[in-house]
Amino acid sequence: MRTLGGLLLALGIASCYGHDRPIGETPTPLSVKSSAAQPQAPDRVERTDAADAAELAKNGATCSADSDCTGRLRCVSYNVSGRELRKCLFPCGDGCPSGWNCQIVSDGPTNTCARAR
């Protein structure tokens, strides 16, 4: 009887040996989607009116505040090669003048209007 108990103990230990991996298929990793709102493109207002002469003259001029710009132009701050620049530009959120399109670029002013080509 003693040998039978020893044999069962040996079989039990041997059956557990080498089972360091899961049995069956490898489970699929859990991925959780965030419930936070995803960023959306800014609302763009369609404009049909053209830029006036005063706005065109100030477009691209350096500024320090919106008061330095004319009409629909806003003082836009952006970085190029580590330097901060400020210029009077048409923002897309206010709608681009006719003949202008919204531009979204990685290096330079973004969400601003540029002349259509």
PDB file of N, CA and C in Angstrom:
ATOM      1  N   MET A   1       0.793  -1.171   0.000  1.00  0.00           N
ATOM      2  CA  MET A   1       0.000   0.000   0.000  1.00  0.00           C
ATOM      3  C   MET A   1       0.856   1.265   0.000  1.00  0.00           C
ATOM      4  N   ARG A   2       1.973   1.127   0.695  1.00  0.00           N
ATOM      5  CA  ARG A   2       2.898   2.242   0.733  1.00  0.00           C
ATOM      6  C   ARG A   2       3.428   2.560  -0.644  1.00  0.00           C
ATOM      7  N   THR A   3       3.717   1.582  -1.432  1.00  0.00           N
ATOM      8  CA  THR A   3       4.207   1.827  -2.786  1.00  0.00           C
ATOM      9  C   THR A   3       3.123   2.435  -3.667  1.00  0.00           C
ATOM     10  N   LEU A   4       1.908   2.057  -3.431  1.00  0.00           N
ATOM     11  CA  LEU A   4       0.821   2.624  -4.224  1.00  0.00           C
ATOM     12  C   LEU A   4       0.660   4.117  -3.912  1.00  0.00           C
ATOM     13  N   GLY A   5       0.752   4.503  -2.639  1.00  0.00           N
ATOM     14  CA  GLY A   5       0.673   5.912  -2.241  1.00  0.00           C
ATOM     15  C   GLY A   5       1.850   6.707  -2.799  1.00  0.00           C
ATOM     16  N   GLY A   6       3.029   6.119  -2.749  1.00  0.00           N
ATOM     17  CA  GLY A   6       4.218   6.775  -3.294  1.00  0.00           C
ATOM     18  C   GLY A   6       4.115   6.946  -4.798  1.00  0.00           C
ATOM     19  N   LEU A   7       3.552   5.920  -5.462  1.00  0.00           N
ATOM     20  CA  LEU A   7       3.365   5.981  -6.917  1.00  0.00           C
ATOM     21  C   LEU A   7       2.369   7.081  -7.290  1.00  0.00           C
ATOM     22  N   LEU A   8       1.274   7.173  -6.554  1.00  0.00           N
ATOM     23  CA  LEU A   8       0.284   8.224  -6.820  1.00  0.00           C
ATOM     24  C   LEU A   8       0.869   9.618  -6.573  1.00  0.00           C
ATOM     25  N   LEU A   9       1.644   9.758  -5.523  1.00  0.00           N
ATOM     26  CA  LEU A   9       2.310  11.033  -5.241  1.00  0.00           C
ATOM     27  C   LEU A   9       3.269  11.394  -6.359  1.00  0.00           C
ATOM     28  N   ALA A  10       4.023  10.442  -6.849  1.00  0.00           N
ATOM     29  CA  ALA A  10       4.968  10.684  -7.937  1.00  0.00           C
ATOM     30  C   ALA A  10       4.232  11.064  -9.221  1.00  0.00           C
ATOM     31  N   LEU A  11       3.118  10.376  -9.514  1.00  0.00           N
ATOM     32  CA  LEU A  11       2.325  10.715 -10.702  1.00  0.00           C
ATOM     33  C   LEU A  11       1.714  12.109 -10.586  1.00  0.00           C
ATOM     34  N   GLY A  12       1.242  12.470  -9.407  1.00  0.00           N
ATOM     35  CA  GLY A  12       0.667  13.794  -9.191  1.00  0.00           C
ATOM     36  C   GLY A  12       1.690  14.901  -9.415  1.00  0.00           C
ATOM     37  N   ILE A  13       2.893  14.709  -8.900  1.00  0.00           N
ATOM     38  CA  ILE A  13       3.957  15.708  -9.071  1.00  0.00           C
ATOM     39  C   ILE A  13       4.392  15.767 -10.529  1.00  0.00           C
ATOM     40  N   ALA A  14       4.498  14.615 -11.181  1.00  0.00           N
ATOM     41  CA  ALA A  14       4.922  14.571 -12.584  1.00  0.00           C
ATOM     42  C   ALA A  14       3.877  15.197 -13.506  1.00  0.00           C
ATOM     43  N   SER A  15       2.596  15.067 -13.167  1.00  0.00           N
ATOM     44  CA  SER A  15       1.553  15.634 -14.027  1.00  0.00           C
ATOM     45  C   SER A  15       1.547  17.163 -13.955  1.00  0.00           C
ATOM     46  N   CYS A  16       1.978  17.725 -12.874  1.00  0.00           N
ATOM     47  CA  CYS A  16       2.050  19.187 -12.734  1.00  0.00           C
ATOM     48  C   CYS A  16       3.315  19.759 -13.364  1.00  0.00           C
ATOM     49  N   TYR A  17       4.320  18.968 -13.556  1.00  0.00           N
ATOM     50  CA  TYR A  17       5.591  19.443 -14.095  1.00  0.00           C
ATOM     51  C   TYR A  17       5.420  19.863 -15.559  1.00  0.00           C
ATOM     52  N   GLY A  18       5.885  21.047 -15.931  1.00  0.00           N
ATOM     53  CA  GLY A  18       5.878  21.512 -17.321  1.00  0.00           C
ATOM     54  C   GLY A  18       4.618  22.245 -17.727  1.00  0.00           C
ATOM     55  N   HIS A  19       3.719  22.541 -16.791  1.00  0.00           N
ATOM     56  CA  HIS A  19       2.492  23.258 -17.139  1.00  0.00           C
ATOM     57  C   HIS A  19       2.612  24.729 -16.752  1.00  0.00           C
ATOM     58  N   ASP A  20       3.628  25.404 -17.272  1.00  0.00           N
ATOM     59  CA  ASP A  20       3.800  26.816 -16.977  1.00  0.00           C
ATOM     60  C   ASP A  20       3.127  27.696 -18.030  1.00  0.00           C
ATOM     61  N   ARG A  21       2.476  27.102 -18.998  1.00  0.00           N
ATOM     62  CA  ARG A  21       1.763  27.860 -20.015  1.00  0.00           C
ATOM     63  C   ARG A  21       0.276  27.573 -19.867  1.00  0.00           C
ATOM     64  N   PRO A  22      -0.609  28.492 -20.327  1.00  0.00           N
ATOM     65  CA  PRO A  22      -2.042  28.272 -20.175  1.00  0.00           C
ATOM     66  C   PRO A  22      -2.504  27.084 -21.012  1.00  0.00           C
ATOM     67  N   ILE A  23      -3.512  26.440 -20.551  1.00  0.00           N
ATOM     68  CA  ILE A  23      -4.089  25.314 -21.271  1.00  0.00           C
ATOM     69  C   ILE A  23      -5.122  25.867 -22.234  1.00  0.00           C
ATOM     70  N   GLY A  24      -5.119  25.398 -23.476  1.00  0.00           N
ATOM     71  CA  GLY A  24      -6.063  25.872 -24.480  1.00  0.00           C
ATOM     72  C   GLY A  24      -5.474  27.021 -25.276  1.00  0.00           C
ATOM     73  N   GLU A  25      -6.364  27.767 -25.949  1.00  0.00           N
ATOM     74  CA  GLU A  25      -5.916  28.891 -26.784  1.00  0.00           C
ATOM     75  C   GLU A  25      -5.375  30.021 -25.921  1.00  0.00           C
ATOM     76  N   THR A  26      -4.472  30.783 -26.504  1.00  0.00           N
ATOM     77  CA  THR A  26      -3.936  31.950 -25.813  1.00  0.00           C
ATOM     78  C   THR A  26      -5.037  33.005 -25.765  1.00  0.00           C
ATOM     79  N   PRO A  27      -5.316  33.568 -24.599  1.00  0.00           N
ATOM     80  CA  PRO A  27      -6.401  34.559 -24.518  1.00  0.00           C
ATOM     81  C   PRO A  27      -6.055  35.835 -25.270  1.00  0.00           C
ATOM     82  N   THR A  28      -7.077  36.490 -25.803  1.00  0.00           N
ATOM     83  CA  THR A  28      -6.915  37.758 -26.503  1.00  0.00           C
ATOM     84  C   THR A  28      -6.689  38.848 -25.469  1.00  0.00           C
ATOM     85  N   PRO A  29      -5.701  39.726 -25.696  1.00  0.00           N
ATOM     86  CA  PRO A  29      -5.472  40.809 -24.732  1.00  0.00           C
ATOM     87  C   PRO A  29      -6.702  41.709 -24.644  1.00  0.00           C
ATOM     88  N   LEU A  30      -6.978  42.199 -23.469  1.00  0.00           N
ATOM     89  CA  LEU A  30      -8.114  43.072 -23.242  1.00  0.00           C
ATOM     90  C   LEU A  30      -7.764  44.475 -23.713  1.00  0.00           C
ATOM     91  N   SER A  31      -8.632  45.061 -24.501  1.00  0.00           N
ATOM     92  CA  SER A  31      -8.433  46.455 -24.889  1.00  0.00           C
ATOM     93  C   SER A  31      -9.696  47.207 -24.533  1.00  0.00           C
ATOM     94  N   VAL A  32      -9.517  48.321 -23.854  1.00  0.00           N
ATOM     95  CA  VAL A  32     -10.639  49.117 -23.381  1.00  0.00           C
ATOM     96  C   VAL A  32     -10.649  50.426 -24.150  1.00  0.00           C
ATOM     97  N   LYS A  33     -11.792  50.744 -24.723  1.00  0.00           N
ATOM     98  CA  LYS A  33     -11.926  52.017 -25.418  1.00  0.00           C
ATOM     99  C   LYS A  33     -12.312  53.084 -24.409  1.00  0.00           C
ATOM    100  N   SER A  34     -11.731  54.232 -24.583  1.00  0.00           N
ATOM    101  CA  SER A  34     -12.006  55.339 -23.683  1.00  0.00           C
ATOM    102  C   SER A  34     -13.413  55.867 -23.932  1.00  0.00           C
ATOM    103  N   SER A  35     -14.077  56.261 -22.860  1.00  0.00           N
ATOM    104  CA  SER A  35     -15.401  56.849 -23.008  1.00  0.00           C
ATOM    105  C   SER A  35     -15.311  58.361 -23.166  1.00  0.00           C
ATOM    106  N   ALA A  36     -14.088  58.890 -23.113  1.00  0.00           N
ATOM    107  CA  ALA A  36     -13.897  60.332 -23.262  1.00  0.00           C
ATOM    108  C   ALA A  36     -14.207  60.743 -24.697  1.00  0.00           C
ATOM    109  N   ALA A  37     -14.663  61.953 -24.858  1.00  0.00           N
ATOM    110  CA  ALA A  37     -14.994  62.468 -26.183  1.00  0.00           C
ATOM    111  C   ALA A  37     -13.726  62.567 -27.025  1.00  0.00           C
ATOM    112  N   GLN A  38     -13.824  62.152 -28.256  1.00  0.00           N
ATOM    113  CA  GLN A  38     -12.697  62.228 -29.177  1.00  0.00           C
ATOM    114  C   GLN A  38     -12.586  63.653 -29.710  1.00  0.00           C
ATOM    115  N   PRO A  39     -11.334  64.143 -29.924  1.00  0.00           N
ATOM    116  CA  PRO A  39     -11.191  65.493 -30.462  1.00  0.00           C
ATOM    117  C   PRO A  39     -11.791  65.569 -31.857  1.00  0.00           C
ATOM    118  N   GLN A  40     -12.460  66.651 -32.130  1.00  0.00           N
ATOM    119  CA  GLN A  40     -13.095  66.843 -33.422  1.00  0.00           C
ATOM    120  C   GLN A  40     -12.492  68.046 -34.108  1.00  0.00           C
ATOM    121  N   ALA A  41     -12.632  68.047 -35.424  1.00  0.00           N
ATOM    122  CA  ALA A  41     -12.152  69.186 -36.199  1.00  0.00           C
ATOM    123  C   ALA A  41     -12.968  70.414 -35.791  1.00  0.00           C
ATOM    124  N   PRO A  42     -12.342  71.580 -35.761  1.00  0.00           N
ATOM    125  CA  PRO A  42     -13.078  72.773 -35.368  1.00  0.00           C
ATOM    126  C   PRO A  42     -14.184  73.071 -36.372  1.00  0.00           C
ATOM    127  N   ASP A  43     -15.269  73.659 -35.875  1.00  0.00           N
ATOM    128  CA  ASP A  43     -16.346  74.038 -36.772  1.00  0.00           C
ATOM    129  C   ASP A  43     -15.834  75.113 -37.715  1.00  0.00           C
ATOM    130  N   ARG A  44     -16.150  74.944 -38.953  1.00  0.00           N
ATOM    131  CA  ARG A  44     -15.714  75.915 -39.956  1.00  0.00           C
ATOM    132  C   ARG A  44     -16.939  76.572 -40.562  1.00  0.00           C
ATOM    133  N   VAL A  45     -16.950  77.856 -40.526  1.00  0.00           N
ATOM    134  CA  VAL A  45     -18.056  78.615 -41.058  1.00  0.00           C
ATOM    135  C   VAL A  45     -17.750  78.922 -42.517  1.00  0.00           C
ATOM    136  N   GLU A  46     -18.708  78.656 -43.377  1.00  0.00           N
ATOM    137  CA  GLU A  46     -18.522  78.978 -44.791  1.00  0.00           C
ATOM    138  C   GLU A  46     -18.794  80.464 -44.988  1.00  0.00           C
ATOM    139  N   ARG A  47     -17.841  81.166 -45.557  1.00  0.00           N
ATOM    140  CA  ARG A  47     -17.995  82.599 -45.804  1.00  0.00           C
ATOM    141  C   ARG A  47     -18.017  82.827 -47.303  1.00  0.00           C
ATOM    142  N   THR A  48     -18.750  83.798 -47.707  1.00  0.00           N
ATOM    143  CA  THR A  48     -18.790  84.133 -49.129  1.00  0.00           C
ATOM    144  C   THR A  48     -18.258  85.537 -49.389  1.00  0.00           C
ATOM    145  N   ASP A  49     -18.042  86.303 -48.326  1.00  0.00           N
ATOM    146  CA  ASP A  49     -17.549  87.658 -48.526  1.00  0.00           C
ATOM    147  C   ASP A  49     -16.031  87.670 -48.665  1.00  0.00           C
ATOM    148  N   ALA A  50     -15.569  88.552 -49.497  1.00  0.00           N
ATOM    149  CA  ALA A  50     -14.133  88.650 -49.759  1.00  0.00           C
ATOM    150  C   ALA A  50     -13.459  89.481 -48.663  1.00  0.00           C
ATOM    151  N   ALA A  51     -12.172  89.289 -48.524  1.00  0.00           N
ATOM    152  CA  ALA A  51     -11.384  90.083 -47.591  1.00  0.00           C
ATOM    153  C   ALA A  51     -11.271  91.500 -48.146  1.00  0.00           C
ATOM    154  N   ASP A  52     -11.402  92.489 -47.268  1.00  0.00           N
ATOM    155  CA  ASP A  52     -11.283  93.867 -47.757  1.00  0.00           C
ATOM    156  C   ASP A  52      -9.818  94.288 -47.826  1.00  0.00           C
ATOM    157  N   ALA A  53      -9.564  95.447 -48.384  1.00  0.00           N
ATOM    158  CA  ALA A  53      -8.196  95.917 -48.624  1.00  0.00           C
ATOM    159  C   ALA A  53      -7.412  96.075 -47.317  1.00  0.00           C
ATOM    160  N   ALA A  54      -8.058  96.555 -46.250  1.00  0.00           N
ATOM    161  CA  ALA A  54      -7.366  96.748 -44.973  1.00  0.00           C
ATOM    162  C   ALA A  54      -6.948  95.396 -44.384  1.00  0.00           C
ATOM    163  N   GLU A  55      -7.809  94.386 -44.513  1.00  0.00           N
ATOM    164  CA  GLU A  55      -7.474  93.058 -44.008  1.00  0.00           C
ATOM    165  C   GLU A  55      -6.325  92.456 -44.812  1.00  0.00           C
ATOM    166  N   LEU A  56      -6.371  92.606 -46.121  1.00  0.00           N
ATOM    167  CA  LEU A  56      -5.308  92.071 -46.979  1.00  0.00           C
ATOM    168  C   LEU A  56      -3.971  92.746 -46.689  1.00  0.00           C
ATOM    169  N   ALA A  57      -4.001  94.049 -46.384  1.00  0.00           N
ATOM    170  CA  ALA A  57      -2.765  94.781 -46.092  1.00  0.00           C
ATOM    171  C   ALA A  57      -2.141  94.300 -44.781  1.00  0.00           C
ATOM    172  N   LYS A  58      -2.967  93.962 -43.787  1.00  0.00           N
ATOM    173  CA  LYS A  58      -2.456  93.529 -42.481  1.00  0.00           C
ATOM    174  C   LYS A  58      -2.208  92.029 -42.396  1.00  0.00           C
ATOM    175  N   ASN A  59      -2.739  91.235 -43.334  1.00  0.00           N
ATOM    176  CA  ASN A  59      -2.583  89.781 -43.283  1.00  0.00           C
ATOM    177  C   ASN A  59      -1.101  89.413 -43.319  1.00  0.00           C
ATOM    178  N   GLY A  60      -0.648  88.638 -42.339  1.00  0.00           N
ATOM    179  CA  GLY A  60       0.746  88.214 -42.276  1.00  0.00           C
ATOM    180  C   GLY A  60       1.654  89.176 -41.534  1.00  0.00           C
ATOM    181  N   ALA A  61       1.118  90.321 -41.083  1.00  0.00           N
ATOM    182  CA  ALA A  61       1.932  91.295 -40.349  1.00  0.00           C
ATOM    183  C   ALA A  61       2.168  90.788 -38.925  1.00  0.00           C
ATOM    184  N   THR A  62       3.322  91.128 -38.351  1.00  0.00           N
ATOM    185  CA  THR A  62       3.610  90.721 -36.975  1.00  0.00           C
ATOM    186  C   THR A  62       2.705  91.494 -36.012  1.00  0.00           C
ATOM    187  N   CYS A  63       2.396  90.856 -34.877  1.00  0.00           N
ATOM    188  CA  CYS A  63       1.490  91.470 -33.910  1.00  0.00           C
ATOM    189  C   CYS A  63       1.842  90.990 -32.511  1.00  0.00           C
ATOM    190  N   SER A  64       1.250  91.635 -31.515  1.00  0.00           N
ATOM    191  CA  SER A  64       1.406  91.173 -30.132  1.00  0.00           C
ATOM    192  C   SER A  64       0.051  90.898 -29.495  1.00  0.00           C
ATOM    193  N   ALA A  65      -1.034  91.430 -30.093  1.00  0.00           N
ATOM    194  CA  ALA A  65      -2.391  91.213 -29.590  1.00  0.00           C
ATOM    195  C   ALA A  65      -3.379  91.371 -30.742  1.00  0.00           C
ATOM    196  N   ASP A  66      -4.622  90.896 -30.535  1.00  0.00           N
ATOM    197  CA  ASP A  66      -5.651  91.007 -31.576  1.00  0.00           C
ATOM    198  C   ASP A  66      -5.892  92.460 -31.979  1.00  0.00           C
ATOM    199  N   SER A  67      -5.688  93.389 -31.063  1.00  0.00           N
ATOM    200  CA  SER A  67      -5.917  94.802 -31.368  1.00  0.00           C
ATOM    201  C   SER A  67      -4.952  95.332 -32.434  1.00  0.00           C
ATOM    202  N   ASP A  68      -3.839  94.632 -32.667  1.00  0.00           N
ATOM    203  CA  ASP A  68      -2.888  95.035 -33.703  1.00  0.00           C
ATOM    204  C   ASP A  68      -3.368  94.646 -35.104  1.00  0.00           C
ATOM    205  N   CYS A  69      -4.396  93.795 -35.165  1.00  0.00           N
ATOM    206  CA  CYS A  69      -4.897  93.292 -36.437  1.00  0.00           C
ATOM    207  C   CYS A  69      -6.176  94.026 -36.819  1.00  0.00           C
ATOM    208  N   THR A  70      -6.607  93.849 -38.064  1.00  0.00           N
ATOM    209  CA  THR A  70      -7.765  94.561 -38.596  1.00  0.00           C
ATOM    210  C   THR A  70      -8.890  93.596 -38.950  1.00  0.00           C
ATOM    211  N   GLY A  71     -10.135  94.010 -38.724  1.00  0.00           N
ATOM    212  CA  GLY A  71     -11.303  93.234 -39.155  1.00  0.00           C
ATOM    213  C   GLY A  71     -11.351  91.836 -38.560  1.00  0.00           C
ATOM    214  N   ARG A  72     -11.440  90.827 -39.449  1.00  0.00           N
ATOM    215  CA  ARG A  72     -11.534  89.424 -39.013  1.00  0.00           C
ATOM    216  C   ARG A  72     -10.185  88.802 -38.685  1.00  0.00           C
ATOM    217  N   LEU A  73      -9.097  89.506 -38.898  1.00  0.00           N
ATOM    218  CA  LEU A  73      -7.764  88.965 -38.600  1.00  0.00           C
ATOM    219  C   LEU A  73      -7.575  88.835 -37.090  1.00  0.00           C
ATOM    220  N   ARG A  74      -6.882  87.794 -36.692  1.00  0.00           N
ATOM    221  CA  ARG A  74      -6.563  87.563 -35.284  1.00  0.00           C
ATOM    222  C   ARG A  74      -5.057  87.388 -35.139  1.00  0.00           C
ATOM    223  N   CYS A  75      -4.513  87.777 -33.985  1.00  0.00           N
ATOM    224  CA  CYS A  75      -3.092  87.607 -33.718  1.00  0.00           C
ATOM    225  C   CYS A  75      -2.875  86.142 -33.335  1.00  0.00           C
ATOM    226  N   VAL A  76      -2.254  85.388 -34.225  1.00  0.00           N
ATOM    227  CA  VAL A  76      -2.057  83.952 -34.048  1.00  0.00           C
ATOM    228  C   VAL A  76      -0.607  83.688 -33.659  1.00  0.00           C
ATOM    229  N   SER A  77      -0.430  82.911 -32.591  1.00  0.00           N
ATOM    230  CA  SER A  77       0.899  82.544 -32.108  1.00  0.00           C
ATOM    231  C   SER A  77       1.197  81.113 -32.538  1.00  0.00           C
ATOM    232  N   TYR A  78       2.397  80.862 -33.074  1.00  0.00           N
ATOM    233  CA  TYR A  78       2.803  79.508 -33.470  1.00  0.00           C
ATOM    234  C   TYR A  78       4.320  79.401 -33.399  1.00  0.00           C
ATOM    235  N   ASN A  79       4.820  78.154 -33.378  1.00  0.00           N
ATOM    236  CA  ASN A  79       6.266  77.900 -33.266  1.00  0.00           C
ATOM    237  C   ASN A  79       6.816  77.360 -34.576  1.00  0.00           C
ATOM    238  N   VAL A  80       7.957  77.871 -34.974  1.00  0.00           N
ATOM    239  CA  VAL A  80       8.699  77.363 -36.129  1.00  0.00           C
ATOM    240  C   VAL A  80      10.143  77.202 -35.691  1.00  0.00           C
ATOM    241  N   SER A  81      10.645  75.986 -35.751  1.00  0.00           N
ATOM    242  CA  SER A  81      12.020  75.677 -35.360  1.00  0.00           C
ATOM    243  C   SER A  81      12.343  76.174 -33.950  1.00  0.00           C
ATOM    244  N   GLY A  82      11.370  76.030 -33.037  1.00  0.00           N
ATOM    245  CA  GLY A  82      11.605  76.406 -31.652  1.00  0.00           C
ATOM    246  C   GLY A  82      11.415  77.879 -31.341  1.00  0.00           C
ATOM    247  N   ARG A  83      11.123  78.689 -32.351  1.00  0.00           N
ATOM    248  CA  ARG A  83      10.891  80.127 -32.124  1.00  0.00           C
ATOM    249  C   ARG A  83       9.401  80.424 -32.175  1.00  0.00           C
ATOM    250  N   GLU A  84       8.923  81.253 -31.264  1.00  0.00           N
ATOM    251  CA  GLU A  84       7.516  81.645 -31.291  1.00  0.00           C
ATOM    252  C   GLU A  84       7.349  82.864 -32.193  1.00  0.00           C
ATOM    253  N   LEU A  85       6.414  82.749 -33.123  1.00  0.00           N
ATOM    254  CA  LEU A  85       6.082  83.856 -34.017  1.00  0.00           C
ATOM    255  C   LEU A  85       4.632  84.242 -33.791  1.00  0.00           C
ATOM    256  N   ARG A  86       4.308  85.511 -34.016  1.00  0.00           N
ATOM    257  CA  ARG A  86       2.928  86.006 -33.918  1.00  0.00           C
ATOM    258  C   ARG A  86       2.628  86.813 -35.167  1.00  0.00           C
ATOM    259  N   LYS A  87       1.531  86.433 -35.829  1.00  0.00           N
ATOM    260  CA  LYS A  87       1.138  87.133 -37.053  1.00  0.00           C
ATOM    261  C   LYS A  87      -0.363  87.316 -37.109  1.00  0.00           C
ATOM    262  N   CYS A  88      -0.799  88.343 -37.808  1.00  0.00           N
ATOM    263  CA  CYS A  88      -2.218  88.571 -38.064  1.00  0.00           C
ATOM    264  C   CYS A  88      -2.650  87.630 -39.184  1.00  0.00           C
ATOM    265  N   LEU A  89      -3.595  86.741 -38.874  1.00  0.00           N
ATOM    266  CA  LEU A  89      -4.074  85.764 -39.858  1.00  0.00           C
ATOM    267  C   LEU A  89      -5.576  85.569 -39.689  1.00  0.00           C
ATOM    268  N   PHE A  90      -6.230  85.058 -40.749  1.00  0.00           N
ATOM    269  CA  PHE A  90      -7.650  84.728 -40.682  1.00  0.00           C
ATOM    270  C   PHE A  90      -7.792  83.360 -40.009  1.00  0.00           C
ATOM    271  N   PRO A  91      -8.515  83.250 -38.893  1.00  0.00           N
ATOM    272  CA  PRO A  91      -8.729  81.938 -38.271  1.00  0.00           C
ATOM    273  C   PRO A  91      -9.850  81.187 -38.990  1.00  0.00           C
ATOM    274  N   CYS A  92      -9.735  79.866 -39.084  1.00  0.00           N
ATOM    275  CA  CYS A  92     -10.764  79.047 -39.741  1.00  0.00           C
ATOM    276  C   CYS A  92     -12.084  79.093 -38.992  1.00  0.00           C
ATOM    277  N   GLY A  93     -12.033  79.173 -37.669  1.00  0.00           N
ATOM    278  CA  GLY A  93     -13.249  79.158 -36.866  1.00  0.00           C
ATOM    279  C   GLY A  93     -14.189  80.302 -37.187  1.00  0.00           C
ATOM    280  N   ASP A  94     -13.655  81.423 -37.648  1.00  0.00           N
ATOM    281  CA  ASP A  94     -14.486  82.569 -38.018  1.00  0.00           C
ATOM    282  C   ASP A  94     -14.927  82.491 -39.470  1.00  0.00           C
ATOM    283  N   GLY A  95     -14.446  81.501 -40.191  1.00  0.00           N
ATOM    284  CA  GLY A  95     -14.783  81.359 -41.606  1.00  0.00           C
ATOM    285  C   GLY A  95     -13.756  82.056 -42.479  1.00  0.00           C
ATOM    286  N   CYS A  96     -13.350  81.369 -43.527  1.00  0.00           N
ATOM    287  CA  CYS A  96     -12.368  81.943 -44.449  1.00  0.00           C
ATOM    288  C   CYS A  96     -13.070  82.836 -45.460  1.00  0.00           C
ATOM    289  N   PRO A  97     -12.432  83.935 -45.866  1.00  0.00           N
ATOM    290  CA  PRO A  97     -13.005  84.772 -46.919  1.00  0.00           C
ATOM    291  C   PRO A  97     -13.091  83.978 -48.228  1.00  0.00           C
ATOM    292  N   SER A  98     -13.907  84.432 -49.142  1.00  0.00           N
ATOM    293  CA  SER A  98     -14.008  83.734 -50.424  1.00  0.00           C
ATOM    294  C   SER A  98     -12.646  83.765 -51.116  1.00  0.00           C
ATOM    295  N   GLY A  99     -12.278  82.650 -51.724  1.00  0.00           N
ATOM    296  CA  GLY A  99     -10.975  82.535 -52.373  1.00  0.00           C
ATOM    297  C   GLY A  99      -9.877  82.060 -51.429  1.00  0.00           C
ATOM    298  N   TRP A 100     -10.234  81.754 -50.195  1.00  0.00           N
ATOM    299  CA  TRP A 100      -9.284  81.280 -49.188  1.00  0.00           C
ATOM    300  C   TRP A 100      -9.757  79.934 -48.674  1.00  0.00           C
ATOM    301  N   ASN A 101      -8.832  79.070 -48.245  1.00  0.00           N
ATOM    302  CA  ASN A 101      -9.151  77.753 -47.695  1.00  0.00           C
ATOM    303  C   ASN A 101      -8.503  77.586 -46.333  1.00  0.00           C
ATOM    304  N   CYS A 102      -9.127  76.768 -45.500  1.00  0.00           N
ATOM    305  CA  CYS A 102      -8.568  76.468 -44.186  1.00  0.00           C
ATOM    306  C   CYS A 102      -7.364  75.548 -44.361  1.00  0.00           C
ATOM    307  N   GLN A 103      -6.280  75.842 -43.663  1.00  0.00           N
ATOM    308  CA  GLN A 103      -5.086  74.992 -43.726  1.00  0.00           C
ATOM    309  C   GLN A 103      -4.779  74.453 -42.338  1.00  0.00           C
ATOM    310  N   ILE A 104      -4.428  73.168 -42.284  1.00  0.00           N
ATOM    311  CA  ILE A 104      -4.018  72.536 -41.037  1.00  0.00           C
ATOM    312  C   ILE A 104      -2.647  71.930 -41.313  1.00  0.00           C
ATOM    313  N   VAL A 105      -1.609  72.518 -40.735  1.00  0.00           N
ATOM    314  CA  VAL A 105      -0.238  72.071 -40.970  1.00  0.00           C
ATOM    315  C   VAL A 105       0.422  71.729 -39.639  1.00  0.00           C
ATOM    316  N   SER A 106       1.460  70.911 -39.691  1.00  0.00           N
ATOM    317  CA  SER A 106       2.138  70.522 -38.449  1.00  0.00           C
ATOM    318  C   SER A 106       3.204  71.529 -38.042  1.00  0.00           C
ATOM    319  N   ASP A 107       3.825  72.203 -38.973  1.00  0.00           N
ATOM    320  CA  ASP A 107       4.883  73.153 -38.657  1.00  0.00           C
ATOM    321  C   ASP A 107       4.478  74.527 -39.197  1.00  0.00           C
ATOM    322  N   GLY A 108       3.954  75.340 -38.334  1.00  0.00           N
ATOM    323  CA  GLY A 108       3.507  76.664 -38.749  1.00  0.00           C
ATOM    324  C   GLY A 108       2.119  76.938 -38.202  1.00  0.00           C
ATOM    325  N   PRO A 109       1.492  78.013 -38.682  1.00  0.00           N
ATOM    326  CA  PRO A 109       0.166  78.348 -38.161  1.00  0.00           C
ATOM    327  C   PRO A 109      -0.844  77.296 -38.605  1.00  0.00           C
ATOM    328  N   THR A 110      -1.640  76.812 -37.684  1.00  0.00           N
ATOM    329  CA  THR A 110      -2.627  75.798 -38.020  1.00  0.00           C
ATOM    330  C   THR A 110      -4.022  76.349 -37.806  1.00  0.00           C
ATOM    331  N   ASN A 111      -4.990  75.777 -38.499  1.00  0.00           N
ATOM    332  CA  ASN A 111      -6.377  76.240 -38.455  1.00  0.00           C
ATOM    333  C   ASN A 111      -6.497  77.719 -38.826  1.00  0.00           C
ATOM    334  N   THR A 112      -5.733  78.110 -39.826  1.00  0.00           N
ATOM    335  CA  THR A 112      -5.812  79.453 -40.358  1.00  0.00           C
ATOM    336  C   THR A 112      -6.098  79.369 -41.845  1.00  0.00           C
ATOM    337  N   CYS A 113      -6.545  80.467 -42.398  1.00  0.00           N
ATOM    338  CA  CYS A 113      -6.916  80.485 -43.819  1.00  0.00           C
ATOM    339  C   CYS A 113      -5.725  80.876 -44.686  1.00  0.00           C
ATOM    340  N   ALA A 114      -5.632  80.223 -45.832  1.00  0.00           N
ATOM    341  CA  ALA A 114      -4.581  80.541 -46.817  1.00  0.00           C
ATOM    342  C   ALA A 114      -5.267  80.741 -48.164  1.00  0.00           C
ATOM    343  N   ARG A 115      -4.654  81.540 -49.008  1.00  0.00           N
ATOM    344  CA  ARG A 115      -5.240  81.760 -50.339  1.00  0.00           C
ATOM    345  C   ARG A 115      -5.342  80.450 -51.089  1.00  0.00           C
ATOM    346  N   ALA A 116      -6.467  80.250 -51.744  1.00  0.00           N
ATOM    347  CA  ALA A 116      -6.654  79.045 -52.555  1.00  0.00           C
ATOM    348  C   ALA A 116      -5.736  79.123 -53.762  1.00  0.00           C
ATOM    349  N   ARG A 117      -5.192  77.990 -54.137  1.00  0.00           N
ATOM    350  CA  ARG A 117      -4.259  77.990 -55.285  1.00  0.00           C
ATOM    351  C   ARG A 117      -4.949  77.599 -56.537  1.00  0.00           C
TER     352      ARG A 117
END
